[in-house]
Amino acid sequence: MHRLLARALFPLVCFFGAAGGAAASTREEARASTGDAFHVYVSNEHSGEVAILDGATHELLRTIPVGKRPRGIKVSADGLTLYVATSGSPRMGPGADPERAKSATADKSADGIAIIDLRAGQVARRLDVGSDPEEFALSRDGRSVIVSNEDIGEASIWDIETGRLVAKATVSGEPEGVALHPTREAVYITCEEEGDIYVLHSKTAEKIAMMPLGGRPRTVAFSADGTRAYIPLETTPEVAVVDAQADRLLEKITLPTPALPMGAVLSPDGRELYVTTGRGQHLAVIDVATKRVVETIRVGARPWGLATSPDGAWVFTANGTSHDVSVVDVRERREVKRIQTGEGSGPWGVAIGPVVRPRE
């Protein structure tokens, strides 16, 4: 069934009294027939696995063991490789703490990035990227990773093929989010402790700018043209709107309490910004043009990472303490399903990629 026809028929199905589950099934069948297949990859911080979900049927397909505390997660440009940051540091807010980085309570052998061959369905090798990696970005050419080393207050750049340290920079305490600018040779690093954003050269780690925003910034979502950056501030609670060419704060969007904004992603058309609210247990929808919160949608407990489907129809949120992933229908403004990722799994990050069939 053609996608436009499916969307036109959906309200009629509801009108004639079909159950919500049947309506959702109709939409999923229609989507599957259009060839919009994709996979949703979820890092499970507590269980040490990556969960693979079917983007069309919204079902858990399988899990892959990756190591301790998987958090940051990215798919390669060709969709065949998955990168996942792992850490042997205890699950706590450490701050920039070199002594803790050396302590017996931190298993430094577990720190790194697991590189998963998705056709083989397993970890192919591990990349040493320094102490306590939390988030990272892949370079545009796919040859290097830019990493936040949380417990030592650094950002570092590593060559993926050789494992060589290319460059590093000292930043302020608790660096977390790492986002590559879409049009400049720059990367934004969010530093929670002091509320700073460090702007570094994406190849040399040279400091370009520093923006003090306050409010424990968590992540960064860039507009496709690179003119704006949207940065959730957990404790304010606000989303900072930044001129991403001049690296300066423009304004802040206030979220309704009890929001603790964490992750952010723009819709594929750039018209809406979706923000997870942590213990606020909602997904906030912000109209980019008016800079107003237009909807809050109830999801699972402590939503953190999130991603949109390639066509923008769905948002998937990783719910850390309810151990599931919420599937949000963007058009209907409602959660339609929660996908269990395993007892005590602790979902953290979400990435989207094409369907990769395992080798026989």
Protein backbone atom coordinates (compact mmCIF):
# COMPACT_ATOMS: atom_id res chain seq x y z
CA MET A 1 0.00 0.00 0.00
CA HIS A 2 1.35 3.44 -0.84
CA ARG A 3 2.39 5.45 2.22
CA LEU A 4 0.14 8.42 1.43
CA LEU A 5 -2.85 6.13 0.99
CA ALA A 6 -2.07 4.40 4.26
CA ARG A 7 -1.99 7.75 6.09
CA ALA A 8 -5.26 8.80 4.49
CA LEU A 9 -7.01 5.58 5.53
CA PHE A 10 -5.76 5.63 9.10
CA PRO A 11 -8.32 8.14 10.47
CA LEU A 12 -11.15 6.15 8.83
CA VAL A 13 -10.03 2.98 10.57
CA CYS A 14 -10.16 4.78 13.90
CA PHE A 15 -13.55 6.37 13.06
CA PHE A 16 -15.21 3.02 12.41
CA GLY A 17 -14.24 1.74 15.83
CA ALA A 18 -11.17 -0.35 15.11
CA ALA A 19 -9.11 -1.03 18.19
CA GLY A 20 -5.93 0.99 18.73
CA GLY A 21 -3.81 -2.13 18.29
CA ALA A 22 -5.47 -2.93 14.96
CA ALA A 23 -4.87 0.63 13.74
CA ALA A 24 -1.22 0.43 14.72
CA SER A 25 -0.96 -2.93 12.95
CA THR A 26 -2.46 -1.43 9.77
CA ARG A 27 0.09 1.35 9.79
CA GLU A 28 2.98 -1.04 10.38
CA GLU A 29 1.85 -3.33 7.55
CA ALA A 30 1.59 -0.33 5.24
CA ARG A 31 5.05 0.87 6.24
CA ALA A 32 6.60 -2.56 5.76
CA SER A 33 5.26 -2.74 2.20
CA THR A 34 6.90 0.57 1.26
CA GLY A 35 10.38 -0.77 1.92
CA ASP A 36 11.09 1.65 4.79
CA ALA A 37 12.93 -1.04 6.74
CA PHE A 38 15.51 -0.03 9.32
CA HIS A 39 17.03 -1.22 12.55
CA VAL A 40 17.09 0.55 15.91
CA TYR A 41 20.22 -0.06 17.99
CA VAL A 42 20.03 0.52 21.75
CA SER A 43 22.95 0.49 24.20
CA ASN A 44 21.95 -1.22 27.45
CA GLU A 45 24.17 0.31 30.11
CA HIS A 46 23.39 -2.16 32.89
CA SER A 47 23.34 -5.47 31.01
CA GLY A 48 26.34 -4.72 28.79
CA GLU A 49 24.52 -5.45 25.56
CA VAL A 50 23.24 -3.77 22.42
CA ALA A 51 19.61 -4.52 21.62
CA ILE A 52 18.60 -4.63 17.95
CA LEU A 53 14.99 -3.68 17.22
CA ASP A 54 13.04 -3.99 14.00
CA GLY A 55 12.05 -0.46 13.00
CA ALA A 56 9.00 -1.57 11.02
CA THR A 57 7.46 -4.13 13.38
CA HIS A 58 8.77 -2.58 16.62
CA GLU A 59 9.97 -5.93 17.94
CA LEU A 60 13.19 -6.93 19.73
CA LEU A 61 15.21 -9.07 17.31
CA ARG A 62 18.31 -9.98 19.31
CA THR A 63 21.04 -8.67 21.60
CA ILE A 64 24.83 -8.55 21.22
CA PRO A 65 27.15 -8.56 24.26
CA VAL A 66 29.60 -5.63 24.02
CA GLY A 67 31.21 -5.08 27.45
CA LYS A 68 30.72 -2.98 30.55
CA ARG A 69 28.49 0.11 30.61
CA PRO A 70 27.78 0.68 26.91
CA ARG A 71 26.55 4.25 26.43
CA GLY A 72 27.42 6.30 23.34
CA ILE A 73 26.42 4.50 20.14
CA LYS A 74 26.85 5.32 16.42
CA VAL A 75 26.31 3.58 13.07
CA SER A 76 28.90 3.92 10.28
CA ALA A 77 27.95 5.80 7.12
CA ASP A 78 27.57 2.55 5.17
CA GLY A 79 25.43 1.01 7.92
CA LEU A 80 27.61 -2.09 8.26
CA THR A 81 29.49 -1.23 11.46
CA LEU A 82 28.25 -0.23 14.89
CA TYR A 83 30.46 1.65 17.36
CA VAL A 84 29.65 1.55 21.09
CA ALA A 85 31.53 3.28 23.92
CA THR A 86 32.11 1.05 26.97
CA SER A 87 33.41 1.96 30.41
CA GLY A 88 34.63 0.19 33.51
CA SER A 89 33.93 3.19 35.74
CA PRO A 90 31.18 2.87 38.39
CA ARG A 91 27.72 4.16 37.52
CA MET A 92 27.87 7.51 39.29
CA GLY A 93 28.44 11.17 38.53
CA PRO A 94 32.22 11.37 38.90
CA GLY A 95 33.21 14.85 37.86
CA ALA A 96 36.72 15.32 36.51
CA ASP A 97 38.46 13.00 38.97
CA PRO A 98 41.90 11.68 37.96
CA GLU A 99 42.28 9.86 41.29
CA ARG A 100 39.10 7.92 40.67
CA ALA A 101 40.30 7.13 37.17
CA LYS A 102 43.28 5.33 38.74
CA SER A 103 41.37 3.68 41.56
CA ALA A 104 40.67 -0.01 42.03
CA THR A 105 36.95 0.64 41.76
CA ALA A 106 37.33 1.48 38.08
CA ASP A 107 38.06 -1.40 35.67
CA LYS A 108 40.10 0.52 33.12
CA SER A 109 40.52 -2.58 30.95
CA ALA A 110 36.82 -2.24 30.08
CA ASP A 111 37.21 1.31 28.73
CA GLY A 112 37.08 1.65 24.96
CA ILE A 113 34.90 1.47 21.89
CA ALA A 114 33.49 -1.87 20.81
CA ILE A 115 33.47 -2.12 16.99
CA ILE A 116 30.68 -4.45 15.88
CA ASP A 117 30.54 -6.11 12.48
CA LEU A 118 26.78 -6.13 11.96
CA ARG A 119 26.95 -8.80 9.25
CA ALA A 120 28.78 -11.11 11.63
CA GLY A 121 26.60 -10.02 14.55
CA GLN A 122 29.46 -9.67 17.01
CA VAL A 123 32.27 -7.45 18.27
CA ALA A 124 35.10 -7.54 15.72
CA ARG A 125 37.63 -5.61 17.82
CA ARG A 126 38.01 -3.00 20.52
CA LEU A 127 39.57 0.43 20.26
CA ASP A 128 41.40 1.98 23.22
CA VAL A 129 40.23 5.61 23.40
CA GLY A 130 41.43 6.68 26.84
CA SER A 131 39.76 6.79 30.22
CA ASP A 132 35.99 6.44 30.76
CA PRO A 133 34.61 7.22 27.28
CA GLU A 134 30.97 8.26 27.45
CA GLU A 135 29.96 9.80 24.12
CA PHE A 136 31.77 10.18 20.81
CA ALA A 137 31.37 11.34 17.23
CA LEU A 138 32.62 9.76 14.03
CA SER A 139 34.61 11.98 11.68
CA ARG A 140 33.05 12.71 8.30
CA ASP A 141 35.50 10.42 6.53
CA GLY A 142 34.87 7.65 9.08
CA ARG A 143 38.57 7.36 9.92
CA SER A 144 38.59 8.76 13.45
CA VAL A 145 36.51 9.09 16.59
CA ILE A 146 36.24 12.15 18.83
CA VAL A 147 35.62 11.09 22.42
CA SER A 148 34.58 12.61 25.75
CA ASN A 149 36.70 11.12 28.55
CA GLU A 150 34.40 11.82 31.45
CA ASP A 151 36.40 11.05 34.57
CA ILE A 152 39.55 12.97 33.57
CA GLY A 153 37.96 16.03 31.94
CA GLU A 154 39.40 15.53 28.47
CA ALA A 155 38.32 15.22 24.85
CA SER A 156 40.44 13.05 22.57
CA ILE A 157 40.70 12.12 18.89
CA TRP A 158 41.74 8.60 17.81
CA ASP A 159 42.55 6.98 14.48
CA ILE A 160 40.22 4.00 14.10
CA GLU A 161 42.47 1.86 11.88
CA THR A 162 45.73 2.26 13.79
CA GLY A 163 44.38 3.02 17.26
CA ARG A 164 46.76 5.99 17.47
CA LEU A 165 45.98 9.04 19.61
CA VAL A 166 45.78 11.95 17.18
CA ALA A 167 45.16 14.82 19.60
CA LYS A 168 43.57 15.66 22.92
CA ALA A 169 42.40 18.69 24.85
CA THR A 170 41.62 19.50 28.46
CA VAL A 171 38.03 20.63 28.97
CA SER A 172 36.02 21.32 32.11
CA GLY A 173 34.52 18.69 34.40
CA GLU A 174 32.30 15.81 33.28
CA PRO A 175 32.47 16.08 29.49
CA GLU A 176 29.58 14.11 27.99
CA GLY A 177 27.96 15.05 24.69
CA VAL A 178 30.07 15.08 21.52
CA ALA A 179 28.57 16.44 18.30
CA LEU A 180 30.34 17.05 15.00
CA HIS A 181 29.33 20.28 13.30
CA PRO A 182 27.69 19.46 9.94
CA THR A 183 29.52 22.10 7.88
CA ARG A 184 32.59 23.21 9.88
CA GLU A 185 35.71 21.39 11.07
CA ALA A 186 34.45 21.79 14.61
CA VAL A 187 33.06 19.62 17.36
CA TYR A 188 30.94 20.65 20.36
CA ILE A 189 31.71 19.04 23.74
CA THR A 190 29.16 19.49 26.55
CA CYS A 191 30.72 19.70 30.04
CA GLU A 192 28.21 19.13 32.81
CA GLU A 193 30.07 20.24 35.91
CA GLU A 194 30.62 23.89 34.97
CA GLY A 195 27.90 24.11 32.32
CA ASP A 196 30.37 24.81 29.51
CA ILE A 197 30.37 24.03 25.80
CA TYR A 198 33.86 23.63 24.36
CA VAL A 199 34.19 24.12 20.61
CA LEU A 200 37.26 22.26 19.36
CA HIS A 201 38.79 21.76 15.94
CA SER A 202 37.62 18.31 14.88
CA LYS A 203 41.06 17.23 13.57
CA THR A 204 43.53 18.92 15.94
CA ALA A 205 41.43 19.38 19.14
CA GLU A 206 42.56 23.02 19.18
CA LYS A 207 40.18 25.20 21.19
CA ILE A 208 38.05 27.45 18.98
CA ALA A 209 35.60 28.81 21.54
CA MET A 210 34.02 28.17 24.91
CA MET A 211 30.42 29.02 25.82
CA PRO A 212 29.33 29.06 29.48
CA LEU A 213 25.65 28.06 29.46
CA GLY A 214 25.11 26.67 32.97
CA GLY A 215 22.46 24.08 33.79
CA ARG A 216 24.48 20.88 33.14
CA PRO A 217 24.39 20.64 29.33
CA ARG A 218 23.96 17.08 28.14
CA THR A 219 23.80 16.75 24.35
CA VAL A 220 23.82 18.78 21.13
CA ALA A 221 21.52 18.68 18.10
CA PHE A 222 22.67 20.67 15.06
CA SER A 223 20.40 21.91 12.30
CA ALA A 224 21.24 20.32 8.95
CA ASP A 225 22.63 23.58 7.58
CA GLY A 226 24.83 24.09 10.64
CA THR A 227 23.41 27.48 11.57
CA ARG A 228 21.88 26.45 14.90
CA ALA A 229 22.64 24.12 17.78
CA TYR A 230 20.09 23.03 20.39
CA ILE A 231 21.52 22.03 23.76
CA PRO A 232 19.40 20.60 26.63
CA LEU A 233 20.29 22.06 30.04
CA GLU A 234 19.31 19.46 32.61
CA THR A 235 18.97 21.46 35.83
CA THR A 236 17.49 24.74 34.57
CA PRO A 237 15.37 23.16 32.81
CA GLU A 238 15.88 24.74 29.39
CA VAL A 239 17.10 24.17 25.86
CA ALA A 240 19.80 26.62 24.77
CA VAL A 241 19.57 27.89 21.19
CA VAL A 242 23.06 28.66 19.88
CA ASP A 243 24.32 30.43 16.78
CA ALA A 244 26.50 27.57 15.57
CA GLN A 245 28.47 29.71 13.12
CA ALA A 246 29.47 32.40 15.63
CA ASP A 247 29.43 30.01 18.64
CA ARG A 248 27.26 32.24 20.83
CA LEU A 249 24.09 31.82 22.84
CA LEU A 250 20.97 33.33 21.27
CA GLU A 251 18.22 32.40 23.71
CA LYS A 252 16.85 29.67 25.94
CA ILE A 253 13.57 27.74 25.70
CA THR A 254 12.04 26.86 29.06
CA LEU A 255 10.55 23.38 29.48
CA PRO A 256 7.64 22.68 31.84
CA THR A 257 8.57 21.13 35.18
CA PRO A 258 9.44 18.50 36.26
CA ALA A 259 11.53 18.19 33.09
CA LEU A 260 15.23 17.36 33.33
CA PRO A 261 16.15 17.67 29.64
CA MET A 262 18.74 15.17 28.45
CA GLY A 263 18.77 14.10 24.79
CA ALA A 264 17.71 16.10 21.74
CA VAL A 265 17.15 15.32 18.08
CA LEU A 266 15.62 17.30 15.22
CA SER A 267 12.97 15.90 12.91
CA PRO A 268 14.30 15.07 9.42
CA ASP A 269 12.60 18.18 8.01
CA GLY A 270 14.08 20.35 10.78
CA ARG A 271 10.73 21.73 11.89
CA GLU A 272 10.52 20.07 15.29
CA LEU A 273 12.95 19.36 18.10
CA TYR A 274 12.35 16.34 20.31
CA VAL A 275 13.80 16.41 23.84
CA THR A 276 13.81 13.65 26.45
CA THR A 277 13.18 14.86 29.99
CA GLY A 278 14.84 12.19 32.14
CA ARG A 279 12.98 11.80 35.41
CA GLY A 280 10.32 14.08 33.96
CA GLN A 281 9.25 10.93 32.04
CA HIS A 282 8.08 12.76 28.93
CA LEU A 283 9.17 13.56 25.40
CA ALA A 284 8.91 17.30 24.77
CA VAL A 285 8.07 18.52 21.26
CA ILE A 286 9.36 22.00 20.39
CA ASP A 287 8.31 23.98 17.32
CA VAL A 288 11.62 25.26 15.93
CA ALA A 289 10.10 28.30 14.20
CA THR A 290 8.23 29.60 17.26
CA LYS A 291 10.63 28.12 19.86
CA ARG A 292 7.68 26.94 21.93
CA VAL A 293 6.92 23.59 23.54
CA VAL A 294 3.85 22.40 21.63
CA GLU A 295 3.40 18.98 23.23
CA THR A 296 4.67 16.72 25.99
CA ILE A 297 4.17 12.98 25.50
CA ARG A 298 4.34 10.45 28.33
CA VAL A 299 6.96 7.74 27.75
CA GLY A 300 8.86 5.27 29.94
CA ALA A 301 10.86 5.99 33.07
CA ARG A 302 13.97 8.18 32.75
CA PRO A 303 14.10 8.59 28.97
CA TRP A 304 17.62 9.52 27.87
CA GLY A 305 18.87 8.76 24.35
CA LEU A 306 16.53 9.05 21.38
CA ALA A 307 16.39 8.90 17.60
CA THR A 308 13.87 9.43 14.82
CA SER A 309 12.99 6.98 12.06
CA PRO A 310 14.42 7.96 8.64
CA ASP A 311 11.04 9.29 7.49
CA GLY A 312 10.35 11.11 10.76
CA ALA A 313 7.19 9.14 11.55
CA TRP A 314 8.50 7.66 14.81
CA VAL A 315 10.65 8.69 17.74
CA PHE A 316 12.33 6.02 19.84
CA THR A 317 13.38 6.84 23.43
CA ALA A 318 15.68 4.73 25.63
CA ASN A 319 14.05 4.50 29.07
CA GLY A 320 16.77 3.74 31.60
CA THR A 321 14.81 2.67 34.64
CA SER A 322 11.77 1.03 33.05
CA HIS A 323 14.18 -1.02 30.89
CA ASP A 324 12.35 -0.46 27.63
CA VAL A 325 12.15 1.68 24.51
CA SER A 326 9.14 3.88 23.84
CA VAL A 327 7.82 4.11 20.29
CA VAL A 328 6.17 7.50 19.76
CA ASP A 329 3.88 8.20 16.83
CA VAL A 330 4.88 11.74 15.89
CA ARG A 331 1.73 12.56 13.93
CA GLU A 332 -0.62 11.20 16.58
CA ARG A 333 1.46 12.70 19.42
CA ARG A 334 1.30 9.54 21.52
CA GLU A 335 3.32 6.56 22.67
CA VAL A 336 2.09 3.49 20.80
CA LYS A 337 4.34 0.80 22.25
CA ARG A 338 7.08 -0.01 24.74
CA ILE A 339 9.63 -2.57 23.65
CA GLN A 340 11.23 -4.48 26.52
CA THR A 341 15.02 -4.66 26.16
CA GLY A 342 15.63 -7.15 28.97
CA GLU A 343 15.21 -7.26 32.73
CA GLY A 344 17.55 -4.74 34.35
CA SER A 345 19.02 -3.77 30.96
CA GLY A 346 19.14 0.02 31.50
CA PRO A 347 18.72 1.42 27.96
CA TRP A 348 20.90 4.51 27.40
CA GLY A 349 21.62 5.43 23.76
CA VAL A 350 19.77 4.97 20.46
CA ALA A 351 21.05 4.85 16.88
CA ILE A 352 19.29 4.14 13.59
CA GLY A 353 20.71 2.19 10.65
CA PRO A 354 19.66 0.23 7.58
CA VAL A 355 18.70 -3.42 7.87
CA VAL A 356 21.84 -5.58 7.80
CA ARG A 357 21.31 -9.27 7.20
CA PRO A 358 23.64 -11.53 9.22
CA ARG A 359 26.05 -13.73 7.28
CA GLU A 360 24.96 -17.35 7.07
